[in-house]
N, C-alpha and C. Protein backbone atom coordinates (compact mmCIF):
# COMPACT_ATOMS: atom_id res chain seq x y z
N MET A 1 109.44 -18.27 -5.57
CA MET A 1 109.20 -18.43 -4.16
C MET A 1 110.02 -17.44 -3.34
N ALA A 2 110.68 -16.53 -3.98
CA ALA A 2 111.47 -15.56 -3.25
C ALA A 2 110.57 -14.73 -2.36
N GLY A 3 111.08 -14.40 -1.18
CA GLY A 3 110.32 -13.57 -0.26
C GLY A 3 109.44 -14.35 0.70
N ARG A 4 109.31 -15.67 0.48
CA ARG A 4 108.49 -16.47 1.40
C ARG A 4 109.30 -16.81 2.63
N GLY A 5 108.66 -16.84 3.77
CA GLY A 5 109.30 -17.24 5.01
C GLY A 5 109.46 -18.74 5.06
N PRO A 6 110.07 -19.24 6.12
CA PRO A 6 110.27 -20.68 6.24
C PRO A 6 108.94 -21.42 6.37
N GLY A 7 108.93 -22.66 5.89
CA GLY A 7 107.73 -23.49 5.97
C GLY A 7 107.47 -23.96 7.39
N ILE A 8 106.37 -24.68 7.57
CA ILE A 8 105.99 -25.08 8.92
C ILE A 8 106.90 -26.12 9.52
N ILE A 9 107.76 -26.78 8.71
CA ILE A 9 108.64 -27.77 9.30
C ILE A 9 110.11 -27.36 9.19
N SER A 10 110.37 -26.08 9.09
CA SER A 10 111.74 -25.59 9.02
C SER A 10 112.49 -26.01 10.29
N ALA A 11 113.68 -26.56 10.11
CA ALA A 11 114.46 -27.09 11.24
C ALA A 11 114.94 -26.00 12.19
N ASP A 12 115.12 -24.78 11.69
CA ASP A 12 115.64 -23.74 12.57
C ASP A 12 114.54 -22.88 13.20
N ARG A 13 113.33 -23.31 13.07
CA ARG A 13 112.19 -22.58 13.62
C ARG A 13 112.05 -22.92 15.11
N PRO A 14 111.99 -21.94 15.98
CA PRO A 14 111.84 -22.22 17.41
C PRO A 14 110.43 -22.74 17.72
N ARG A 15 110.30 -23.49 18.78
CA ARG A 15 109.03 -24.06 19.20
C ARG A 15 108.25 -23.01 20.01
N ARG A 16 107.55 -22.18 19.32
CA ARG A 16 106.69 -21.18 19.95
C ARG A 16 105.81 -20.58 18.87
N GLY A 17 104.91 -19.76 19.26
CA GLY A 17 104.06 -19.12 18.28
C GLY A 17 102.68 -19.73 18.24
N SER A 18 101.89 -19.27 17.30
CA SER A 18 100.48 -19.64 17.27
C SER A 18 100.26 -21.12 16.96
N PHE A 19 101.09 -21.73 16.09
CA PHE A 19 100.90 -23.14 15.78
C PHE A 19 101.15 -24.01 17.01
N ALA A 20 102.26 -23.79 17.69
CA ALA A 20 102.56 -24.56 18.90
C ALA A 20 101.47 -24.35 19.95
N SER A 21 100.99 -23.12 20.07
CA SER A 21 99.94 -22.82 21.02
C SER A 21 98.65 -23.57 20.69
N LEU A 22 98.29 -23.59 19.41
CA LEU A 22 97.09 -24.30 18.97
C LEU A 22 97.21 -25.79 19.27
N VAL A 23 98.34 -26.39 18.89
CA VAL A 23 98.54 -27.83 19.08
C VAL A 23 98.53 -28.18 20.56
N ASP A 24 99.11 -27.34 21.40
CA ASP A 24 99.15 -27.63 22.84
C ASP A 24 97.79 -27.51 23.50
N ARG A 25 96.86 -26.79 22.89
CA ARG A 25 95.54 -26.58 23.51
C ARG A 25 94.51 -27.62 23.11
N ILE A 26 94.80 -28.52 22.18
CA ILE A 26 93.78 -29.42 21.66
C ILE A 26 93.22 -30.37 22.72
N ALA A 27 93.98 -30.69 23.76
CA ALA A 27 93.50 -31.60 24.78
C ALA A 27 92.39 -30.98 25.64
N GLU A 28 92.45 -29.66 25.84
CA GLU A 28 91.47 -29.00 26.71
C GLU A 28 90.47 -28.12 25.98
N ASP A 29 90.75 -27.75 24.76
CA ASP A 29 89.94 -26.76 24.06
C ASP A 29 89.35 -27.37 22.78
N VAL A 30 88.04 -27.62 22.81
CA VAL A 30 87.37 -28.22 21.66
C VAL A 30 87.51 -27.32 20.43
N GLY A 31 87.49 -26.03 20.61
CA GLY A 31 87.65 -25.10 19.48
C GLY A 31 89.01 -25.26 18.82
N ALA A 32 90.06 -25.41 19.62
CA ALA A 32 91.40 -25.62 19.08
C ALA A 32 91.47 -26.96 18.35
N LEU A 33 90.85 -27.98 18.92
CA LEU A 33 90.81 -29.29 18.28
C LEU A 33 90.10 -29.21 16.93
N ASP A 34 88.93 -28.57 16.92
CA ASP A 34 88.18 -28.41 15.67
C ASP A 34 88.97 -27.63 14.63
N ALA A 35 89.65 -26.58 15.06
CA ALA A 35 90.43 -25.75 14.13
C ALA A 35 91.57 -26.56 13.52
N LEU A 36 92.27 -27.35 14.34
CA LEU A 36 93.37 -28.15 13.82
C LEU A 36 92.87 -29.19 12.82
N VAL A 37 91.80 -29.89 13.17
CA VAL A 37 91.25 -30.92 12.28
C VAL A 37 90.71 -30.29 11.00
N PHE A 38 90.02 -29.17 11.11
CA PHE A 38 89.49 -28.47 9.94
C PHE A 38 90.62 -28.10 8.98
N ALA A 39 91.67 -27.49 9.53
CA ALA A 39 92.80 -27.09 8.68
C ALA A 39 93.49 -28.30 8.08
N TYR A 40 93.70 -29.33 8.87
CA TYR A 40 94.39 -30.54 8.42
C TYR A 40 93.65 -31.19 7.25
N CYS A 41 92.35 -31.29 7.37
CA CYS A 41 91.55 -31.98 6.34
C CYS A 41 91.52 -31.23 5.01
N ARG A 42 91.87 -29.97 5.00
CA ARG A 42 91.84 -29.18 3.77
C ARG A 42 93.19 -29.11 3.07
N LEU A 43 94.20 -29.77 3.63
CA LEU A 43 95.52 -29.77 3.04
C LEU A 43 95.70 -30.93 2.07
N SER A 44 96.67 -30.80 1.18
CA SER A 44 97.01 -31.92 0.30
C SER A 44 97.71 -33.00 1.14
N LYS A 45 97.88 -34.17 0.57
CA LYS A 45 98.51 -35.28 1.29
C LYS A 45 99.91 -34.90 1.77
N GLY A 46 100.70 -34.30 0.91
CA GLY A 46 102.05 -33.88 1.30
C GLY A 46 102.04 -32.82 2.39
N GLN A 47 101.10 -31.90 2.31
CA GLN A 47 100.99 -30.87 3.33
C GLN A 47 100.53 -31.46 4.66
N ARG A 48 99.65 -32.47 4.61
CA ARG A 48 99.21 -33.12 5.85
C ARG A 48 100.38 -33.83 6.53
N TRP A 49 101.24 -34.47 5.74
CA TRP A 49 102.42 -35.14 6.29
C TRP A 49 103.35 -34.10 6.93
N ALA A 50 103.53 -32.96 6.26
CA ALA A 50 104.36 -31.89 6.81
C ALA A 50 103.76 -31.35 8.11
N LEU A 51 102.45 -31.21 8.15
CA LEU A 51 101.80 -30.73 9.38
C LEU A 51 102.00 -31.73 10.51
N ALA A 52 101.92 -33.01 10.21
CA ALA A 52 102.14 -34.04 11.23
C ALA A 52 103.56 -33.91 11.80
N HIS A 53 104.54 -33.70 10.93
CA HIS A 53 105.92 -33.52 11.41
C HIS A 53 106.06 -32.25 12.23
N ALA A 54 105.39 -31.19 11.81
CA ALA A 54 105.44 -29.95 12.58
C ALA A 54 104.82 -30.16 13.96
N ALA A 55 103.70 -30.87 14.02
CA ALA A 55 103.07 -31.17 15.32
C ALA A 55 104.00 -32.02 16.17
N LEU A 56 104.68 -32.96 15.56
CA LEU A 56 105.62 -33.82 16.27
C LEU A 56 106.73 -33.00 16.92
N HIS A 57 107.22 -32.00 16.20
CA HIS A 57 108.32 -31.18 16.71
C HIS A 57 107.85 -30.07 17.64
N ASP A 58 106.64 -29.57 17.46
CA ASP A 58 106.19 -28.41 18.21
C ASP A 58 105.33 -28.74 19.43
N ALA A 59 104.61 -29.82 19.40
CA ALA A 59 103.64 -30.10 20.46
C ALA A 59 104.33 -30.48 21.76
N ALA A 60 103.78 -30.00 22.86
CA ALA A 60 104.26 -30.43 24.17
C ALA A 60 103.93 -31.92 24.35
N ASP A 61 102.80 -32.36 23.77
CA ASP A 61 102.39 -33.76 23.79
C ASP A 61 102.22 -34.23 22.35
N PRO A 62 103.30 -34.63 21.69
CA PRO A 62 103.18 -35.01 20.28
C PRO A 62 102.30 -36.24 20.07
N VAL A 63 102.23 -37.13 21.05
CA VAL A 63 101.40 -38.32 20.91
C VAL A 63 99.93 -37.93 20.77
N GLY A 64 99.46 -37.02 21.60
CA GLY A 64 98.07 -36.56 21.52
C GLY A 64 97.78 -35.89 20.19
N ALA A 65 98.70 -35.06 19.73
CA ALA A 65 98.51 -34.37 18.45
C ALA A 65 98.48 -35.36 17.29
N LEU A 66 99.40 -36.32 17.29
CA LEU A 66 99.43 -37.31 16.22
C LEU A 66 98.19 -38.19 16.24
N ALA A 67 97.70 -38.52 17.43
CA ALA A 67 96.49 -39.33 17.52
C ALA A 67 95.29 -38.60 16.92
N VAL A 68 95.21 -37.30 17.14
CA VAL A 68 94.12 -36.50 16.57
C VAL A 68 94.22 -36.50 15.05
N LEU A 69 95.41 -36.30 14.52
CA LEU A 69 95.60 -36.28 13.07
C LEU A 69 95.30 -37.65 12.47
N LEU A 70 95.69 -38.70 13.16
CA LEU A 70 95.40 -40.05 12.68
C LEU A 70 93.90 -40.29 12.59
N GLU A 71 93.15 -39.84 13.57
CA GLU A 71 91.70 -40.01 13.55
C GLU A 71 91.05 -39.27 12.39
N ALA A 72 91.65 -38.14 12.00
CA ALA A 72 91.08 -37.34 10.91
C ALA A 72 91.51 -37.83 9.53
N GLU A 73 92.58 -38.60 9.45
CA GLU A 73 93.15 -39.01 8.17
C GLU A 73 92.32 -40.12 7.52
N GLU A 74 92.03 -39.96 6.22
CA GLU A 74 91.27 -40.96 5.47
C GLU A 74 92.14 -41.74 4.49
N ASP A 75 93.28 -41.20 4.07
CA ASP A 75 94.17 -41.87 3.14
C ASP A 75 94.89 -43.01 3.87
N GLN A 76 94.72 -44.26 3.39
CA GLN A 76 95.27 -45.43 4.10
C GLN A 76 96.79 -45.41 4.16
N ALA A 77 97.44 -44.99 3.11
CA ALA A 77 98.91 -44.95 3.12
C ALA A 77 99.41 -43.95 4.15
N LEU A 78 98.79 -42.79 4.20
CA LEU A 78 99.20 -41.78 5.17
C LEU A 78 98.83 -42.20 6.58
N ARG A 79 97.70 -42.88 6.74
CA ARG A 79 97.34 -43.43 8.06
C ARG A 79 98.44 -44.37 8.56
N GLY A 80 98.95 -45.20 7.67
CA GLY A 80 100.02 -46.12 8.05
C GLY A 80 101.27 -45.38 8.50
N ARG A 81 101.61 -44.32 7.77
CA ARG A 81 102.79 -43.52 8.15
C ARG A 81 102.57 -42.81 9.48
N LEU A 82 101.36 -42.30 9.70
CA LEU A 82 101.05 -41.64 10.97
C LEU A 82 101.08 -42.65 12.12
N GLU A 83 100.57 -43.85 11.88
CA GLU A 83 100.62 -44.89 12.92
C GLU A 83 102.05 -45.22 13.29
N THR A 84 102.92 -45.28 12.29
CA THR A 84 104.34 -45.54 12.56
C THR A 84 104.95 -44.42 13.38
N LEU A 85 104.65 -43.18 13.03
CA LEU A 85 105.14 -42.04 13.82
C LEU A 85 104.62 -42.11 15.24
N LEU A 86 103.36 -42.40 15.38
CA LEU A 86 102.73 -42.47 16.70
C LEU A 86 103.37 -43.55 17.55
N ARG A 87 103.56 -44.72 16.98
CA ARG A 87 104.18 -45.82 17.72
C ARG A 87 105.62 -45.49 18.11
N GLY A 88 106.29 -44.72 17.28
CA GLY A 88 107.68 -44.36 17.58
C GLY A 88 107.81 -43.37 18.72
N HIS A 89 106.73 -42.67 19.05
CA HIS A 89 106.81 -41.64 20.08
C HIS A 89 105.91 -41.90 21.28
N ALA A 90 105.14 -42.95 21.22
CA ALA A 90 104.21 -43.22 22.31
C ALA A 90 104.64 -44.45 23.10
N LYS A 91 104.24 -44.47 24.32
CA LYS A 91 104.43 -45.65 25.13
C LYS A 91 103.34 -46.64 24.73
N ILE A 92 103.76 -47.84 24.38
CA ILE A 92 102.81 -48.87 23.98
C ILE A 92 102.56 -49.77 25.18
N ARG A 93 101.30 -49.86 25.58
CA ARG A 93 100.92 -50.78 26.66
C ARG A 93 100.44 -52.06 26.01
N VAL A 94 100.90 -53.18 26.54
CA VAL A 94 100.53 -54.47 25.98
C VAL A 94 99.90 -55.34 27.05
N SER A 95 99.01 -56.21 26.60
CA SER A 95 98.44 -57.23 27.47
C SER A 95 98.18 -58.46 26.62
N ALA A 96 98.05 -59.59 27.29
CA ALA A 96 97.83 -60.84 26.59
C ALA A 96 96.89 -61.69 27.42
N CYS A 97 96.14 -62.52 26.75
CA CYS A 97 95.20 -63.41 27.43
C CYS A 97 95.17 -64.73 26.68
N LEU A 98 95.19 -65.82 27.43
CA LEU A 98 95.21 -67.16 26.86
C LEU A 98 94.17 -68.00 27.57
N ARG A 99 93.35 -68.68 26.78
CA ARG A 99 92.33 -69.58 27.32
C ARG A 99 92.40 -70.88 26.55
N GLY A 100 92.35 -72.01 27.24
CA GLY A 100 92.30 -73.29 26.56
C GLY A 100 93.55 -74.12 26.76
N THR A 101 93.77 -75.02 25.82
CA THR A 101 94.88 -75.96 25.87
C THR A 101 95.64 -75.89 24.55
N PRO A 102 96.77 -76.60 24.44
CA PRO A 102 97.47 -76.61 23.15
C PRO A 102 96.62 -77.20 22.02
N ARG A 103 95.63 -78.00 22.33
CA ARG A 103 94.77 -78.60 21.30
C ARG A 103 93.63 -77.67 20.88
N GLN A 104 93.07 -76.93 21.82
CA GLN A 104 91.93 -76.07 21.51
C GLN A 104 91.95 -74.87 22.44
N GLY A 105 91.79 -73.69 21.85
CA GLY A 105 91.79 -72.50 22.69
C GLY A 105 91.67 -71.22 21.91
N GLU A 106 91.91 -70.15 22.64
CA GLU A 106 91.83 -68.81 22.06
C GLU A 106 92.80 -67.93 22.82
N ALA A 107 93.41 -66.99 22.10
CA ALA A 107 94.35 -66.05 22.70
C ALA A 107 94.12 -64.67 22.10
N ARG A 108 94.53 -63.67 22.86
CA ARG A 108 94.50 -62.31 22.32
C ARG A 108 95.76 -61.60 22.77
N LEU A 109 96.26 -60.77 21.88
CA LEU A 109 97.39 -59.89 22.14
C LEU A 109 96.87 -58.48 21.90
N THR A 110 96.89 -57.66 22.91
CA THR A 110 96.34 -56.31 22.80
C THR A 110 97.44 -55.30 23.03
N GLN A 111 97.46 -54.28 22.18
CA GLN A 111 98.38 -53.16 22.38
C GLN A 111 97.58 -51.87 22.32
N SER A 112 97.93 -50.98 23.22
CA SER A 112 97.25 -49.69 23.30
C SER A 112 98.28 -48.58 23.15
N VAL A 113 97.97 -47.64 22.26
CA VAL A 113 98.82 -46.49 22.02
C VAL A 113 97.91 -45.27 22.03
N ALA A 114 98.20 -44.33 22.89
CA ALA A 114 97.46 -43.05 22.94
C ALA A 114 95.96 -43.25 22.97
N GLY A 115 95.49 -44.18 23.78
CA GLY A 115 94.06 -44.40 23.95
C GLY A 115 93.41 -45.25 22.88
N ARG A 116 94.17 -45.70 21.90
CA ARG A 116 93.65 -46.57 20.84
C ARG A 116 94.14 -47.98 21.10
N SER A 117 93.22 -48.92 21.15
CA SER A 117 93.59 -50.32 21.37
C SER A 117 93.34 -51.13 20.11
N GLU A 118 94.17 -52.13 19.95
CA GLU A 118 94.05 -53.04 18.83
C GLU A 118 94.40 -54.43 19.35
N THR A 119 93.62 -55.43 18.95
CA THR A 119 93.80 -56.79 19.45
C THR A 119 93.96 -57.77 18.30
N LEU A 120 94.98 -58.61 18.42
CA LEU A 120 95.15 -59.75 17.52
C LEU A 120 94.53 -60.93 18.24
N ARG A 121 93.51 -61.49 17.65
CA ARG A 121 92.76 -62.58 18.27
C ARG A 121 92.94 -63.84 17.44
N VAL A 122 93.32 -64.92 18.11
CA VAL A 122 93.61 -66.18 17.44
C VAL A 122 92.85 -67.30 18.14
N SER A 123 92.18 -68.14 17.37
CA SER A 123 91.53 -69.32 17.95
C SER A 123 92.01 -70.55 17.19
N TRP A 124 92.07 -71.67 17.89
CA TRP A 124 92.54 -72.90 17.28
C TRP A 124 91.74 -74.08 17.81
N ASN A 125 91.72 -75.15 17.00
CA ASN A 125 91.03 -76.38 17.34
C ASN A 125 91.85 -77.53 16.75
N ALA A 126 91.98 -78.60 17.48
CA ALA A 126 92.77 -79.76 17.06
C ALA A 126 94.19 -79.35 16.70
N GLY A 127 94.72 -78.34 17.42
CA GLY A 127 96.09 -77.90 17.20
C GLY A 127 96.31 -77.10 15.94
N GLU A 128 95.23 -76.67 15.26
CA GLU A 128 95.35 -75.87 14.04
C GLU A 128 94.57 -74.56 14.18
N ILE A 129 95.18 -73.50 13.69
CA ILE A 129 94.53 -72.19 13.74
C ILE A 129 93.29 -72.20 12.86
N GLY A 130 92.18 -71.79 13.45
CA GLY A 130 90.93 -71.70 12.70
C GLY A 130 90.58 -70.27 12.33
N ARG A 131 91.05 -69.32 13.16
CA ARG A 131 90.68 -67.92 12.92
C ARG A 131 91.79 -67.01 13.46
N ILE A 132 92.15 -66.02 12.65
CA ILE A 132 93.06 -64.96 13.07
C ILE A 132 92.43 -63.66 12.61
N GLU A 133 92.22 -62.74 13.55
CA GLU A 133 91.62 -61.46 13.15
C GLU A 133 92.15 -60.34 14.02
N ILE A 134 92.08 -59.15 13.47
CA ILE A 134 92.50 -57.95 14.19
C ILE A 134 91.25 -57.14 14.48
N GLU A 135 91.10 -56.79 15.76
CA GLU A 135 89.94 -56.00 16.19
C GLU A 135 90.43 -54.67 16.74
N SER A 136 89.73 -53.61 16.44
CA SER A 136 90.05 -52.30 16.97
C SER A 136 89.31 -52.07 18.28
N ASP A 137 89.90 -51.24 19.12
CA ASP A 137 89.29 -50.84 20.39
C ASP A 137 88.96 -52.02 21.29
N ASP A 138 89.76 -53.08 21.22
CA ASP A 138 89.66 -54.22 22.13
C ASP A 138 88.24 -54.73 22.26
N ALA A 139 87.63 -55.03 21.13
CA ALA A 139 86.24 -55.47 21.10
C ALA A 139 86.11 -56.98 21.32
N SER A 140 87.14 -57.61 21.88
CA SER A 140 87.09 -59.06 22.04
C SER A 140 86.14 -59.44 23.18
N SER A 141 85.76 -60.72 23.20
CA SER A 141 84.81 -61.20 24.21
C SER A 141 85.50 -61.64 25.48
N PHE A 142 86.82 -61.56 25.54
CA PHE A 142 87.52 -61.91 26.78
C PHE A 142 87.12 -60.92 27.87
N GLU A 143 87.27 -61.36 29.10
CA GLU A 143 86.95 -60.47 30.20
C GLU A 143 87.91 -59.28 30.16
N LYS A 144 87.38 -58.11 30.42
CA LYS A 144 88.21 -56.92 30.45
C LYS A 144 89.20 -57.05 31.61
N GLY A 145 90.43 -56.69 31.36
CA GLY A 145 91.44 -56.71 32.41
C GLY A 145 92.10 -58.06 32.63
N ALA A 146 91.63 -59.12 32.00
CA ALA A 146 92.26 -60.42 32.17
C ALA A 146 93.59 -60.40 31.45
N THR A 147 94.67 -60.60 32.19
CA THR A 147 95.99 -60.51 31.60
C THR A 147 96.84 -61.70 32.03
N ASP A 148 97.48 -62.30 31.06
CA ASP A 148 98.45 -63.35 31.29
C ASP A 148 99.82 -62.83 30.90
N ASP A 149 100.85 -63.58 31.23
CA ASP A 149 102.21 -63.22 30.83
C ASP A 149 102.30 -63.29 29.31
N PRO A 150 102.63 -62.17 28.63
CA PRO A 150 102.73 -62.20 27.17
C PRO A 150 103.69 -63.28 26.67
N GLY A 151 104.76 -63.53 27.39
CA GLY A 151 105.71 -64.57 26.97
C GLY A 151 105.07 -65.95 26.92
N GLU A 152 104.23 -66.25 27.90
CA GLU A 152 103.54 -67.55 27.92
C GLU A 152 102.54 -67.66 26.76
N VAL A 153 101.87 -66.57 26.46
CA VAL A 153 100.91 -66.57 25.35
C VAL A 153 101.65 -66.77 24.03
N ILE A 154 102.78 -66.09 23.87
CA ILE A 154 103.59 -66.24 22.65
C ILE A 154 104.14 -67.67 22.55
N ASP A 155 104.55 -68.24 23.68
CA ASP A 155 105.03 -69.62 23.66
C ASP A 155 103.95 -70.57 23.15
N ALA A 156 102.69 -70.27 23.44
CA ALA A 156 101.58 -71.10 22.95
C ALA A 156 101.27 -70.80 21.48
N LEU A 157 101.37 -69.53 21.08
CA LEU A 157 100.99 -69.14 19.72
C LEU A 157 102.06 -69.40 18.66
N ALA A 158 103.32 -69.22 19.01
CA ALA A 158 104.40 -69.31 18.01
C ALA A 158 104.37 -70.62 17.22
N PRO A 159 104.28 -71.79 17.88
CA PRO A 159 104.25 -73.02 17.07
C PRO A 159 103.00 -73.13 16.20
N LEU A 160 101.88 -72.59 16.69
CA LEU A 160 100.65 -72.61 15.89
C LEU A 160 100.79 -71.73 14.65
N PHE A 161 101.39 -70.54 14.82
CA PHE A 161 101.62 -69.65 13.69
C PHE A 161 102.58 -70.29 12.69
N TRP A 162 103.65 -70.86 13.19
CA TRP A 162 104.64 -71.48 12.31
C TRP A 162 103.98 -72.58 11.47
N GLN A 163 103.21 -73.44 12.12
CA GLN A 163 102.52 -74.52 11.43
C GLN A 163 101.51 -73.97 10.41
N HIS A 164 100.79 -72.94 10.80
CA HIS A 164 99.79 -72.30 9.93
C HIS A 164 100.45 -71.76 8.66
N ILE A 165 101.55 -71.07 8.83
CA ILE A 165 102.25 -70.46 7.69
C ILE A 165 102.85 -71.56 6.80
N ARG A 166 103.45 -72.57 7.39
CA ARG A 166 104.04 -73.66 6.60
C ARG A 166 102.99 -74.40 5.78
N ARG A 167 101.78 -74.46 6.26
CA ARG A 167 100.69 -75.11 5.52
C ARG A 167 100.05 -74.19 4.47
N GLY A 168 100.58 -72.98 4.34
CA GLY A 168 100.05 -72.05 3.35
C GLY A 168 98.93 -71.17 3.88
N GLY A 169 98.73 -71.17 5.18
CA GLY A 169 97.69 -70.32 5.78
C GLY A 169 98.02 -68.85 5.63
N ARG A 170 97.00 -68.05 5.52
CA ARG A 170 97.17 -66.61 5.33
C ARG A 170 97.06 -65.89 6.67
N LEU A 171 97.74 -64.77 6.76
CA LEU A 171 97.67 -63.91 7.93
C LEU A 171 96.92 -62.64 7.54
N PRO A 172 96.18 -62.06 8.46
CA PRO A 172 95.43 -60.85 8.11
C PRO A 172 96.35 -59.66 7.85
N GLU A 173 95.88 -58.77 7.01
CA GLU A 173 96.61 -57.53 6.75
C GLU A 173 96.76 -56.78 8.07
N GLY A 174 97.96 -56.29 8.33
CA GLY A 174 98.21 -55.53 9.55
C GLY A 174 98.80 -56.35 10.68
N VAL A 175 98.94 -57.66 10.49
CA VAL A 175 99.45 -58.50 11.56
C VAL A 175 100.88 -58.10 11.97
N GLU A 176 101.61 -57.47 11.06
CA GLU A 176 102.98 -57.06 11.36
C GLU A 176 103.04 -56.05 12.51
N ARG A 177 101.95 -55.37 12.77
CA ARG A 177 101.93 -54.41 13.88
C ARG A 177 102.07 -55.10 15.23
N PHE A 178 101.90 -56.42 15.27
CA PHE A 178 102.02 -57.18 16.51
C PHE A 178 103.36 -57.90 16.64
N ALA A 179 104.29 -57.61 15.73
CA ALA A 179 105.59 -58.28 15.74
C ALA A 179 106.35 -58.06 17.04
N GLY A 180 106.15 -56.93 17.69
CA GLY A 180 106.84 -56.65 18.95
C GLY A 180 106.58 -57.69 20.02
N PHE A 181 105.42 -58.32 19.99
CA PHE A 181 105.13 -59.37 20.96
C PHE A 181 106.08 -60.55 20.79
N PHE A 182 106.51 -60.78 19.56
CA PHE A 182 107.32 -61.94 19.24
C PHE A 182 108.82 -61.65 19.29
N SER A 183 109.21 -60.42 19.60
CA SER A 183 110.62 -60.06 19.55
C SER A 183 111.40 -60.71 20.69
N VAL A 184 112.63 -61.06 20.41
CA VAL A 184 113.50 -61.68 21.40
C VAL A 184 113.79 -60.69 22.53
N ALA A 185 114.01 -59.42 22.19
CA ALA A 185 114.33 -58.42 23.20
C ALA A 185 113.21 -58.29 24.22
N ARG A 186 111.97 -58.32 23.79
CA ARG A 186 110.84 -58.18 24.69
C ARG A 186 110.75 -59.38 25.62
N ARG A 187 111.12 -60.55 25.11
CA ARG A 187 110.93 -61.77 25.87
C ARG A 187 112.15 -62.17 26.67
N ALA A 188 113.25 -61.44 26.52
CA ALA A 188 114.46 -61.81 27.25
C ALA A 188 114.24 -61.65 28.75
N PRO A 189 114.69 -62.61 29.56
CA PRO A 189 114.51 -62.51 31.00
C PRO A 189 115.32 -61.36 31.57
N ALA A 190 114.81 -60.76 32.63
CA ALA A 190 115.51 -59.65 33.28
C ALA A 190 116.80 -60.16 33.92
N GLN A 191 117.86 -59.40 33.81
CA GLN A 191 119.15 -59.80 34.38
C GLN A 191 119.29 -59.31 35.80
């Protein structure tokens, strides 16, 4: 490997040049977007991960660049790693909606990152969870824009989840992505 220049994720590489220029143009230039996705899809898994890190360090808008790479990625393990990177650098918008009573109802917890929405939807009857599912792009039947205090929705859901888990109920794959709704820090009252 003697004589090769630094790789695309070299730490001492300045943020400039054709790669940074390409990544910065993807929001306005369809040709740049196509070129980035075309190149990304032809790389090995390790090279795609390195390109994602390079985009993270070089892009003026790393969230937009990571979202594009996530959309192009087909490997589930790498998609998970890209989602983690994206969540670490993007502002996450959250909303919650609650309908019903403690005995029967439905709730949704929605989080949006870089234009992608995902909803955890829970319904219960007779005080027991009947359905838990994750929907992409906020495809729930709740009215668009209906928002309740996330803390109040969690106060209604937490005992139902606890009871569901204690009875041996299963949670859908990916439910951990909604753990932030249940965090103490998020729910702490403002001082």
